PDB file of N, CA and C in Angstrom:
ATOM      1  N   MET A   1      78.692  60.267 119.458  1.00  0.00           N
ATOM      2  CA  MET A   1      79.885  60.714 118.745  1.00  0.00           C
ATOM      3  C   MET A   1      79.572  60.949 117.263  1.00  0.00           C
ATOM      4  N   LYS A   2      78.738  60.079 116.702  1.00  0.00           N
ATOM      5  CA  LYS A   2      78.378  60.183 115.296  1.00  0.00           C
ATOM      6  C   LYS A   2      77.593  61.473 115.042  1.00  0.00           C
ATOM      7  N   ILE A   3      76.734  61.867 115.973  1.00  0.00           N
ATOM      8  CA  ILE A   3      75.930  63.077 115.834  1.00  0.00           C
ATOM      9  C   ILE A   3      76.835  64.316 115.845  1.00  0.00           C
ATOM     10  N   ILE A   4      77.852  64.332 116.670  1.00  0.00           N
ATOM     11  CA  ILE A   4      78.786  65.460 116.741  1.00  0.00           C
ATOM     12  C   ILE A   4      79.548  65.592 115.429  1.00  0.00           C
ATOM     13  N   ALA A   5      79.979  64.484 114.856  1.00  0.00           N
ATOM     14  CA  ALA A   5      80.723  64.508 113.596  1.00  0.00           C
ATOM     15  C   ALA A   5      79.842  65.034 112.463  1.00  0.00           C
ATOM     16  N   VAL A   6      78.595  64.606 112.415  1.00  0.00           N
ATOM     17  CA  VAL A   6      77.663  65.073 111.381  1.00  0.00           C
ATOM     18  C   VAL A   6      77.395  66.564 111.570  1.00  0.00           C
ATOM     19  N   SER A   7      77.235  67.001 112.805  1.00  0.00           N
ATOM     20  CA  SER A   7      76.996  68.417 113.087  1.00  0.00           C
ATOM     21  C   SER A   7      78.184  69.270 112.652  1.00  0.00           C
ATOM     22  N   ILE A   8      79.386  68.850 112.966  1.00  0.00           N
ATOM     23  CA  ILE A   8      80.592  69.591 112.575  1.00  0.00           C
ATOM     24  C   ILE A   8      80.706  69.653 111.048  1.00  0.00           C
ATOM     25  N   PHE A   9      80.438  68.546 110.396  1.00  0.00           N
ATOM     26  CA  PHE A   9      80.490  68.508 108.934  1.00  0.00           C
ATOM     27  C   PHE A   9      79.452  69.468 108.334  1.00  0.00           C
ATOM     28  N   SER A  10      78.256  69.490 108.892  1.00  0.00           N
ATOM     29  CA  SER A  10      77.192  70.378 108.397  1.00  0.00           C
ATOM     30  C   SER A  10      77.573  71.840 108.556  1.00  0.00           C
ATOM     31  N   VAL A  11      78.090  72.209 109.699  1.00  0.00           N
ATOM     32  CA  VAL A  11      78.493  73.593 109.947  1.00  0.00           C
ATOM     33  C   VAL A  11      79.645  73.990 109.021  1.00  0.00           C
ATOM     34  N   ALA A  12      80.603  73.109 108.855  1.00  0.00           N
ATOM     35  CA  ALA A  12      81.737  73.391 107.967  1.00  0.00           C
ATOM     36  C   ALA A  12      81.259  73.585 106.528  1.00  0.00           C
ATOM     37  N   SER A  13      80.334  72.746 106.077  1.00  0.00           N
ATOM     38  CA  SER A  13      79.793  72.866 104.724  1.00  0.00           C
ATOM     39  C   SER A  13      79.057  74.185 104.545  1.00  0.00           C
ATOM     40  N   LEU A  14      78.265  74.551 105.524  1.00  0.00           N
ATOM     41  CA  LEU A  14      77.524  75.804 105.466  1.00  0.00           C
ATOM     42  C   LEU A  14      78.465  77.002 105.406  1.00  0.00           C
ATOM     43  N   LEU A  15      79.518  76.992 106.199  1.00  0.00           N
ATOM     44  CA  LEU A  15      80.501  78.073 106.170  1.00  0.00           C
ATOM     45  C   LEU A  15      81.202  78.172 104.823  1.00  0.00           C
ATOM     46  N   LEU A  16      81.530  77.040 104.236  1.00  0.00           N
ATOM     47  CA  LEU A  16      82.189  77.024 102.934  1.00  0.00           C
ATOM     48  C   LEU A  16      81.283  77.605 101.856  1.00  0.00           C
ATOM     49  N   ILE A  17      80.031  77.213 101.860  1.00  0.00           N
ATOM     50  CA  ILE A  17      79.072  77.719 100.865  1.00  0.00           C
ATOM     51  C   ILE A  17      78.866  79.217 101.050  1.00  0.00           C
ATOM     52  N   THR A  18      78.715  79.660 102.278  1.00  0.00           N
ATOM     53  CA  THR A  18      78.503  81.080 102.563  1.00  0.00           C
ATOM     54  C   THR A  18      79.695  81.917 102.108  1.00  0.00           C
ATOM     55  N   SER A  19      80.900  81.456 102.385  1.00  0.00           N
ATOM     56  CA  SER A  19      82.074  82.222 101.979  1.00  0.00           C
ATOM     57  C   SER A  19      82.225  82.252 100.460  1.00  0.00           C
ATOM     58  N   SER A  20      81.834  81.180  99.780  1.00  0.00           N
ATOM     59  CA  SER A  20      81.892  81.151  98.319  1.00  0.00           C
ATOM     60  C   SER A  20      80.918  82.157  97.728  1.00  0.00           C
ATOM     61  N   LEU A  21      79.706  82.213  98.275  1.00  0.00           N
ATOM     62  CA  LEU A  21      78.720  83.175  97.785  1.00  0.00           C
ATOM     63  C   LEU A  21      79.163  84.601  98.060  1.00  0.00           C
ATOM     64  N   ALA A  22      79.758  84.841  99.206  1.00  0.00           N
ATOM     65  CA  ALA A  22      80.228  86.181  99.544  1.00  0.00           C
ATOM     66  C   ALA A  22      81.335  86.626  98.597  1.00  0.00           C
ATOM     67  N   SER A  23      82.240  85.735  98.256  1.00  0.00           N
ATOM     68  CA  SER A  23      83.328  86.120  97.351  1.00  0.00           C
ATOM     69  C   SER A  23      82.808  86.370  95.943  1.00  0.00           C
ATOM     70  N   LEU A  24      81.781  85.652  95.513  1.00  0.00           N
ATOM     71  CA  LEU A  24      81.166  85.902  94.211  1.00  0.00           C
ATOM     72  C   LEU A  24      80.518  87.274  94.186  1.00  0.00           C
ATOM     73  N   THR A  25      79.834  87.625  95.241  1.00  0.00           N
ATOM     74  CA  THR A  25      79.176  88.915  95.320  1.00  0.00           C
ATOM     75  C   THR A  25      80.193  90.046  95.294  1.00  0.00           C
ATOM     76  N   ILE A  26      81.247  89.930  96.051  1.00  0.00           N
ATOM     77  CA  ILE A  26      82.268  90.974  96.131  1.00  0.00           C
ATOM     78  C   ILE A  26      83.010  91.118  94.807  1.00  0.00           C
ATOM     79  N   SER A  27      83.321  90.003  94.167  1.00  0.00           N
ATOM     80  CA  SER A  27      84.094  90.063  92.933  1.00  0.00           C
ATOM     81  C   SER A  27      83.250  90.400  91.723  1.00  0.00           C
ATOM     82  N   GLY A  28      81.913  90.463  91.875  1.00  0.00           N
ATOM     83  CA  GLY A  28      81.058  90.771  90.740  1.00  0.00           C
ATOM     84  C   GLY A  28      80.843  89.579  89.848  1.00  0.00           C
ATOM     85  N   GLY A  29      81.102  88.387  90.310  1.00  0.00           N
ATOM     86  CA  GLY A  29      80.938  87.190  89.504  1.00  0.00           C
ATOM     87  C   GLY A  29      79.515  86.714  89.403  1.00  0.00           C
ATOM     88  N   GLY A  30      78.604  87.375  90.086  1.00  0.00           N
ATOM     89  CA  GLY A  30      77.200  86.976  90.035  1.00  0.00           C
ATOM     90  C   GLY A  30      76.569  87.368  88.718  1.00  0.00           C
ATOM     91  N   THR A  31      75.369  86.908  88.477  1.00  0.00           N
ATOM     92  CA  THR A  31      74.682  87.231  87.234  1.00  0.00           C
ATOM     93  C   THR A  31      74.117  88.631  87.299  1.00  0.00           C
ATOM     94  N   GLY A  32      73.895  89.229  86.160  1.00  0.00           N
ATOM     95  CA  GLY A  32      73.270  90.530  86.086  1.00  0.00           C
ATOM     96  C   GLY A  32      74.226  91.699  86.255  1.00  0.00           C
ATOM     97  N   ALA A  33      75.500  91.467  86.363  1.00  0.00           N
ATOM     98  CA  ALA A  33      76.445  92.560  86.521  1.00  0.00           C
ATOM     99  C   ALA A  33      76.508  93.361  85.228  1.00  0.00           C
ATOM    100  N   VAL A  34      76.631  94.650  85.365  1.00  0.00           N
ATOM    101  CA  VAL A  34      76.680  95.518  84.198  1.00  0.00           C
ATOM    102  C   VAL A  34      78.009  95.339  83.480  1.00  0.00           C
ATOM    103  N   ALA A  35      77.945  95.336  82.171  1.00  0.00           N
ATOM    104  CA  ALA A  35      79.159  95.242  81.369  1.00  0.00           C
ATOM    105  C   ALA A  35      79.454  96.626  80.823  1.00  0.00           C
ATOM    106  N   PRO A  36      80.664  97.128  80.999  1.00  0.00           N
ATOM    107  CA  PRO A  36      80.989  98.432  80.428  1.00  0.00           C
ATOM    108  C   PRO A  36      80.985  98.346  78.909  1.00  0.00           C
ATOM    109  N   ALA A  37      80.845  99.481  78.300  1.00  0.00           N
ATOM    110  CA  ALA A  37      80.851  99.521  76.837  1.00  0.00           C
ATOM    111  C   ALA A  37      82.170  98.985  76.322  1.00  0.00           C
ATOM    112  N   PRO A  38      82.117  98.302  75.205  1.00  0.00           N
ATOM    113  CA  PRO A  38      83.369  97.858  74.609  1.00  0.00           C
ATOM    114  C   PRO A  38      84.261  99.070  74.317  1.00  0.00           C
ATOM    115  N   GLU A  39      85.477  98.845  73.983  1.00  0.00           N
ATOM    116  CA  GLU A  39      86.427  99.936  73.746  1.00  0.00           C
ATOM    117  C   GLU A  39      85.994 100.789  72.553  1.00  0.00           C
ATOM    118  N   ILE A  40      84.894 101.511  72.737  1.00  0.00           N
ATOM    119  CA  ILE A  40      84.355 102.381  71.695  1.00  0.00           C
ATOM    120  C   ILE A  40      84.473 103.818  72.199  1.00  0.00           C
ATOM    121  N   LYS A  41      85.116 104.637  71.447  1.00  0.00           N
ATOM    122  CA  LYS A  41      85.294 106.023  71.873  1.00  0.00           C
ATOM    123  C   LYS A  41      84.015 106.834  71.635  1.00  0.00           C
ATOM    124  N   ASP A  42      83.487 106.789  70.438  1.00  0.00           N
ATOM    125  CA  ASP A  42      82.255 107.502  70.104  1.00  0.00           C
ATOM    126  C   ASP A  42      81.785 107.060  68.728  1.00  0.00           C
ATOM    127  N   GLY A  43      80.798 107.722  68.197  1.00  0.00           N
ATOM    128  CA  GLY A  43      80.346 107.438  66.862  1.00  0.00           C
ATOM    129  C   GLY A  43      79.188 106.460  66.805  1.00  0.00           C
ATOM    130  N   ALA A  44      79.013 105.900  65.623  1.00  0.00           N
ATOM    131  CA  ALA A  44      77.864 105.044  65.342  1.00  0.00           C
ATOM    132  C   ALA A  44      77.873 103.763  66.166  1.00  0.00           C
ATOM    133  N   GLU A  45      79.052 103.212  66.403  1.00  0.00           N
ATOM    134  CA  GLU A  45      79.128 101.967  67.201  1.00  0.00           C
ATOM    135  C   GLU A  45      78.638 102.189  68.620  1.00  0.00           C
ATOM    136  N   LEU A  46      79.049 103.294  69.240  1.00  0.00           N
ATOM    137  CA  LEU A  46      78.617 103.603  70.605  1.00  0.00           C
ATOM    138  C   LEU A  46      77.116 103.862  70.639  1.00  0.00           C
ATOM    139  N   GLU A  47      76.596 104.588  69.640  1.00  0.00           N
ATOM    140  CA  GLU A  47      75.157 104.850  69.575  1.00  0.00           C
ATOM    141  C   GLU A  47      74.373 103.557  69.436  1.00  0.00           C
ATOM    142  N   LYS A  48      74.858 102.638  68.626  1.00  0.00           N
ATOM    143  CA  LYS A  48      74.182 101.352  68.447  1.00  0.00           C
ATOM    144  C   LYS A  48      74.210 100.548  69.748  1.00  0.00           C
ATOM    145  N   TRP A  49      75.366 100.508  70.421  1.00  0.00           N
ATOM    146  CA  TRP A  49      75.494  99.777  71.676  1.00  0.00           C
ATOM    147  C   TRP A  49      74.570 100.373  72.732  1.00  0.00           C
ATOM    148  N   CYS A  50      74.590 101.710  72.857  1.00  0.00           N
ATOM    149  CA  CYS A  50      73.739 102.393  73.839  1.00  0.00           C
ATOM    150  C   CYS A  50      72.266 102.199  73.515  1.00  0.00           C
ATOM    151  N   GLY A  51      71.928 102.238  72.235  1.00  0.00           N
ATOM    152  CA  GLY A  51      70.534 102.053  71.832  1.00  0.00           C
ATOM    153  C   GLY A  51      69.978 100.722  72.291  1.00  0.00           C
ATOM    154  N   GLY A  52      70.763  99.674  72.140  1.00  0.00           N
ATOM    155  CA  GLY A  52      70.332  98.345  72.562  1.00  0.00           C
ATOM    156  C   GLY A  52      70.180  98.248  74.066  1.00  0.00           C
ATOM    157  N   LYS A  53      71.147  98.796  74.798  1.00  0.00           N
ATOM    158  CA  LYS A  53      71.097  98.764  76.266  1.00  0.00           C
ATOM    159  C   LYS A  53      69.938  99.607  76.790  1.00  0.00           C
ATOM    160  N   CYS A  54      69.705 100.771  76.174  1.00  0.00           N
ATOM    161  CA  CYS A  54      68.626 101.649  76.627  1.00  0.00           C
ATOM    162  C   CYS A  54      67.250 101.073  76.277  1.00  0.00           C
ATOM    163  N   GLU A  55      67.140 100.347  75.185  1.00  0.00           N
ATOM    164  CA  GLU A  55      65.868  99.676  74.858  1.00  0.00           C
ATOM    165  C   GLU A  55      65.467  98.746  75.989  1.00  0.00           C
ATOM    166  N   VAL A  56      66.429  97.972  76.481  1.00  0.00           N
ATOM    167  CA  VAL A  56      66.156  97.048  77.589  1.00  0.00           C
ATOM    168  C   VAL A  56      65.825  97.839  78.848  1.00  0.00           C
ATOM    169  N   ARG A  57      66.607  98.877  79.129  1.00  0.00           N
ATOM    170  CA  ARG A  57      66.414  99.680  80.337  1.00  0.00           C
ATOM    171  C   ARG A  57      65.040 100.352  80.354  1.00  0.00           C
ATOM    172  N   CYS A  58      64.554 100.799  79.201  1.00  0.00           N
ATOM    173  CA  CYS A  58      63.329 101.603  79.127  1.00  0.00           C
ATOM    174  C   CYS A  58      62.101 100.823  78.672  1.00  0.00           C
ATOM    175  N   GLU A  59      62.193  99.511  78.545  1.00  0.00           N
ATOM    176  CA  GLU A  59      61.073  98.759  77.975  1.00  0.00           C
ATOM    177  C   GLU A  59      59.790  98.844  78.800  1.00  0.00           C
ATOM    178  N   GLU A  60      59.876  99.087  80.095  1.00  0.00           N
ATOM    179  CA  GLU A  60      58.675  99.175  80.929  1.00  0.00           C
ATOM    180  C   GLU A  60      58.362 100.605  81.371  1.00  0.00           C
ATOM    181  N   ALA A  61      59.056 101.579  80.820  1.00  0.00           N
ATOM    182  CA  ALA A  61      58.868 102.971  81.232  1.00  0.00           C
ATOM    183  C   ALA A  61      57.521 103.503  80.761  1.00  0.00           C
ATOM    184  N   GLY A  62      56.913 104.360  81.579  1.00  0.00           N
ATOM    185  CA  GLY A  62      55.642 104.984  81.209  1.00  0.00           C
ATOM    186  C   GLY A  62      55.826 105.968  80.063  1.00  0.00           C
ATOM    187  N   MET A  63      56.927 106.697  80.068  1.00  0.00           N
ATOM    188  CA  MET A  63      57.251 107.651  79.004  1.00  0.00           C
ATOM    189  C   MET A  63      58.505 107.141  78.307  1.00  0.00           C
ATOM    190  N   LYS A  64      58.322 106.163  77.467  1.00  0.00           N
ATOM    191  CA  LYS A  64      59.456 105.461  76.859  1.00  0.00           C
ATOM    192  C   LYS A  64      60.347 106.388  76.044  1.00  0.00           C
ATOM    193  N   ASP A  65      59.750 107.313  75.295  1.00  0.00           N
ATOM    194  CA  ASP A  65      60.565 108.204  74.463  1.00  0.00           C
ATOM    195  C   ASP A  65      61.479 109.086  75.313  1.00  0.00           C
ATOM    196  N   ARG A  66      60.973 109.588  76.427  1.00  0.00           N
ATOM    197  CA  ARG A  66      61.787 110.412  77.323  1.00  0.00           C
ATOM    198  C   ARG A  66      62.881 109.565  77.987  1.00  0.00           C
ATOM    199  N   CYS A  67      62.509 108.352  78.408  1.00  0.00           N
ATOM    200  CA  CYS A  67      63.475 107.449  79.026  1.00  0.00           C
ATOM    201  C   CYS A  67      64.611 107.152  78.056  1.00  0.00           C
ATOM    202  N   LEU A  68      64.263 106.836  76.800  1.00  0.00           N
ATOM    203  CA  LEU A  68      65.284 106.525  75.792  1.00  0.00           C
ATOM    204  C   LEU A  68      66.193 107.719  75.535  1.00  0.00           C
ATOM    205  N   LYS A  69      65.625 108.927  75.516  1.00  0.00           N
ATOM    206  CA  LYS A  69      66.418 110.136  75.282  1.00  0.00           C
ATOM    207  C   LYS A  69      67.472 110.315  76.371  1.00  0.00           C
ATOM    208  N   TYR A  70      67.035 110.302  77.627  1.00  0.00           N
ATOM    209  CA  TYR A  70      67.972 110.554  78.726  1.00  0.00           C
ATOM    210  C   TYR A  70      68.921 109.379  78.963  1.00  0.00           C
ATOM    211  N   CYS A  71      68.424 108.175  78.763  1.00  0.00           N
ATOM    212  CA  CYS A  71      69.305 107.012  78.886  1.00  0.00           C
ATOM    213  C   CYS A  71      70.416 107.102  77.834  1.00  0.00           C
ATOM    214  N   GLY A  72      70.059 107.499  76.617  1.00  0.00           N
ATOM    215  CA  GLY A  72      71.047 107.634  75.546  1.00  0.00           C
ATOM    216  C   GLY A  72      72.103 108.681  75.861  1.00  0.00           C
ATOM    217  N   ILE A  73      71.655 109.828  76.400  1.00  0.00           N
ATOM    218  CA  ILE A  73      72.590 110.889  76.785  1.00  0.00           C
ATOM    219  C   ILE A  73      73.555 110.374  77.850  1.00  0.00           C
ATOM    220  N   CYS A  74      73.003 109.728  78.878  1.00  0.00           N
ATOM    221  CA  CYS A  74      73.830 109.229  79.978  1.00  0.00           C
ATOM    222  C   CYS A  74      74.776 108.128  79.507  1.00  0.00           C
ATOM    223  N   CYS A  75      74.294 107.251  78.652  1.00  0.00           N
ATOM    224  CA  CYS A  75      75.117 106.148  78.154  1.00  0.00           C
ATOM    225  C   CYS A  75      76.307 106.671  77.353  1.00  0.00           C
ATOM    226  N   LYS A  76      76.073 107.651  76.503  1.00  0.00           N
ATOM    227  CA  LYS A  76      77.162 108.189  75.689  1.00  0.00           C
ATOM    228  C   LYS A  76      78.229 108.860  76.548  1.00  0.00           C
ATOM    229  N   GLU A  77      77.811 109.509  77.626  1.00  0.00           N
ATOM    230  CA  GLU A  77      78.775 110.170  78.504  1.00  0.00           C
ATOM    231  C   GLU A  77      79.475 109.180  79.429  1.00  0.00           C
ATOM    232  N   CYS A  78      78.705 108.216  79.956  1.00  0.00           N
ATOM    233  CA  CYS A  78      79.248 107.287  80.964  1.00  0.00           C
ATOM    234  C   CYS A  78      79.772 105.985  80.362  1.00  0.00           C
ATOM    235  N   LYS A  79      79.330 105.661  79.170  1.00  0.00           N
ATOM    236  CA  LYS A  79      79.698 104.414  78.491  1.00  0.00           C
ATOM    237  C   LYS A  79      79.304 103.167  79.293  1.00  0.00           C
ATOM    238  N   CYS A  80      78.167 103.281  80.000  1.00  0.00           N
ATOM    239  CA  CYS A  80      77.594 102.124  80.681  1.00  0.00           C
ATOM    240  C   CYS A  80      76.126 102.399  80.970  1.00  0.00           C
ATOM    241  N   VAL A  81      75.360 101.310  81.120  1.00  0.00           N
ATOM    242  CA  VAL A  81      73.944 101.381  81.468  1.00  0.00           C
ATOM    243  C   VAL A  81      73.689 100.274  82.481  1.00  0.00           C
ATOM    244  N   PRO A  82      73.049 100.593  83.618  1.00  0.00           N
ATOM    245  CA  PRO A  82      72.767  99.551  84.601  1.00  0.00           C
ATOM    246  C   PRO A  82      71.849  98.474  84.036  1.00  0.00           C
ATOM    247  N   SER A  83      71.954  97.274  84.561  1.00  0.00           N
ATOM    248  CA  SER A  83      71.120  96.170  84.091  1.00  0.00           C
ATOM    249  C   SER A  83      69.697  96.327  84.607  1.00  0.00           C
ATOM    250  N   GLY A  84      68.783  95.649  83.962  1.00  0.00           N
ATOM    251  CA  GLY A  84      67.386  95.669  84.401  1.00  0.00           C
ATOM    252  C   GLY A  84      66.649  96.884  83.902  1.00  0.00           C
ATOM    253  N   THR A  85      65.371  96.976  84.301  1.00  0.00           N
ATOM    254  CA  THR A  85      64.535  98.085  83.852  1.00  0.00           C
ATOM    255  C   THR A  85      64.434  99.195  84.879  1.00  0.00           C
ATOM    256  N   TYR A  86      64.921  98.953  86.105  1.00  0.00           N
ATOM    257  CA  TYR A  86      64.847  99.963  87.157  1.00  0.00           C
ATOM    258  C   TYR A  86      65.888  99.646  88.228  1.00  0.00           C
ATOM    259  N   GLY A  87      66.422 100.677  88.850  1.00  0.00           N
ATOM    260  CA  GLY A  87      67.382 100.460  89.927  1.00  0.00           C
ATOM    261  C   GLY A  87      68.734 100.011  89.411  1.00  0.00           C
ATOM    262  N   ASN A  88      69.480  99.315  90.237  1.00  0.00           N
ATOM    263  CA  ASN A  88      70.815  98.791  89.916  1.00  0.00           C
ATOM    264  C   ASN A  88      71.809  99.876  89.522  1.00  0.00           C
ATOM    265  N   LYS A  89      71.552 101.123  89.897  1.00  0.00           N
ATOM    266  CA  LYS A  89      72.450 102.213  89.502  1.00  0.00           C
ATOM    267  C   LYS A  89      73.819 102.112  90.149  1.00  0.00           C
ATOM    268  N   HIS A  90      73.944 101.295  91.193  1.00  0.00           N
ATOM    269  CA  HIS A  90      75.253 101.094  91.821  1.00  0.00           C
ATOM    270  C   HIS A  90      76.240 100.449  90.849  1.00  0.00           C
ATOM    271  N   GLU A  91      75.728  99.829  89.787  1.00  0.00           N
ATOM    272  CA  GLU A  91      76.587  99.175  88.799  1.00  0.00           C
ATOM    273  C   GLU A  91      77.341 100.180  87.927  1.00  0.00           C
ATOM    274  N   CYS A  92      76.840 101.397  87.857  1.00  0.00           N
ATOM    275  CA  CYS A  92      77.451 102.416  86.997  1.00  0.00           C
ATOM    276  C   CYS A  92      77.429 103.749  87.739  1.00  0.00           C
ATOM    277  N   ALA A  93      78.517 104.073  88.411  1.00  0.00           N
ATOM    278  CA  ALA A  93      78.570 105.256  89.273  1.00  0.00           C
ATOM    279  C   ALA A  93      78.327 106.552  88.503  1.00  0.00           C
ATOM    280  N   CYS A  94      78.893 106.685  87.336  1.00  0.00           N
ATOM    281  CA  CYS A  94      78.715 107.899  86.528  1.00  0.00           C
ATOM    282  C   CYS A  94      77.239 108.082  86.206  1.00  0.00           C
ATOM    283  N   TYR A  95      76.584 107.028  85.783  1.00  0.00           N
ATOM    284  CA  TYR A  95      75.160 107.037  85.438  1.00  0.00           C
ATOM    285  C   TYR A  95      74.340 107.423  86.674  1.00  0.00           C
ATOM    286  N   ARG A  96      74.704 106.864  87.812  1.00  0.00           N
ATOM    287  CA  ARG A  96      73.991 107.116  89.072  1.00  0.00           C
ATOM    288  C   ARG A  96      74.144 108.565  89.524  1.00  0.00           C
ATOM    289  N   ASP A  97      75.319 109.149  89.345  1.00  0.00           N
ATOM    290  CA  ASP A  97      75.625 110.452  89.913  1.00  0.00           C
ATOM    291  C   ASP A  97      75.257 111.642  89.036  1.00  0.00           C
ATOM    292  N   LYS A  98      74.847 111.422  87.798  1.00  0.00           N
ATOM    293  CA  LYS A  98      74.470 112.532  86.911  1.00  0.00           C
ATOM    294  C   LYS A  98      73.200 113.183  87.436  1.00  0.00           C
ATOM    295  N   LEU A  99      73.210 114.519  87.555  1.00  0.00           N
ATOM    296  CA  LEU A  99      72.058 115.257  88.056  1.00  0.00           C
ATOM    297  C   LEU A  99      71.584 116.266  87.021  1.00  0.00           C
ATOM    298  N   SER A 100      70.281 116.528  87.042  1.00  0.00           N
ATOM    299  CA  SER A 100      69.713 117.552  86.170  1.00  0.00           C
ATOM    300  C   SER A 100      70.010 118.922  86.777  1.00  0.00           C
ATOM    301  N   SER A 101      69.590 119.989  86.104  1.00  0.00           N
ATOM    302  CA  SER A 101      69.804 121.343  86.629  1.00  0.00           C
ATOM    303  C   SER A 101      69.014 121.567  87.924  1.00  0.00           C
ATOM    304  N   LYS A 102      67.987 120.736  88.146  1.00  0.00           N
ATOM    305  CA  LYS A 102      67.184 120.835  89.370  1.00  0.00           C
ATOM    306  C   LYS A 102      67.708 119.926  90.477  1.00  0.00           C
ATOM    307  N   LYS A 103      68.891 119.365  90.281  1.00  0.00           N
ATOM    308  CA  LYS A 103      69.553 118.482  91.252  1.00  0.00           C
ATOM    309  C   LYS A 103      68.783 117.191  91.506  1.00  0.00           C
ATOM    310  N   THR A 104      68.063 116.724  90.496  1.00  0.00           N
ATOM    311  CA  THR A 104      67.382 115.421  90.560  1.00  0.00           C
ATOM    312  C   THR A 104      68.140 114.462  89.644  1.00  0.00           C
ATOM    313  N   PRO A 105      68.007 113.152  89.847  1.00  0.00           N
ATOM    314  CA  PRO A 105      68.724 112.212  88.982  1.00  0.00           C
ATOM    315  C   PRO A 105      68.356 112.412  87.504  1.00  0.00           C
ATOM    316  N   LYS A 106      69.372 112.490  86.677  1.00  0.00           N
ATOM    317  CA  LYS A 106      69.154 112.726  85.257  1.00  0.00           C
ATOM    318  C   LYS A 106      68.881 111.425  84.510  1.00  0.00           C
ATOM    319  N   CYS A 107      69.561 110.383  84.908  1.00  0.00           N
ATOM    320  CA  CYS A 107      69.509 109.121  84.157  1.00  0.00           C
ATOM    321  C   CYS A 107      68.427 108.204  84.713  1.00  0.00           C
ATOM    322  N   PRO A 108      67.643 107.610  83.800  1.00  0.00           N
ATOM    323  CA  PRO A 108      66.562 106.703  84.241  1.00  0.00           C
ATOM    324  C   PRO A 108      67.066 105.382  84.762  1.00  0.00           C
TER     325      PRO A 108
END
């Protein structure tokens, strides 16, 4: 009887932990989520904010100057930059969906 009670308690605990992690993932409460630009319309403040975000995004790029250029263009239009140095474009749909004239992704 004691083994059954311990087993039920273990399964219940596992379900509770799993559901908590799932709700964090869905709500965006996990770490590394992209933060939208503060309420900045344009100008020097937006350029400064984008510059800092793009520096982080492009720090490992092979062609850093090109990465910074296109990241800056995309950031000013979308007012967001995905976290990390690569990928995570799902965090910023506008950034993800921008295409060049050749229909390739514009934003690094």
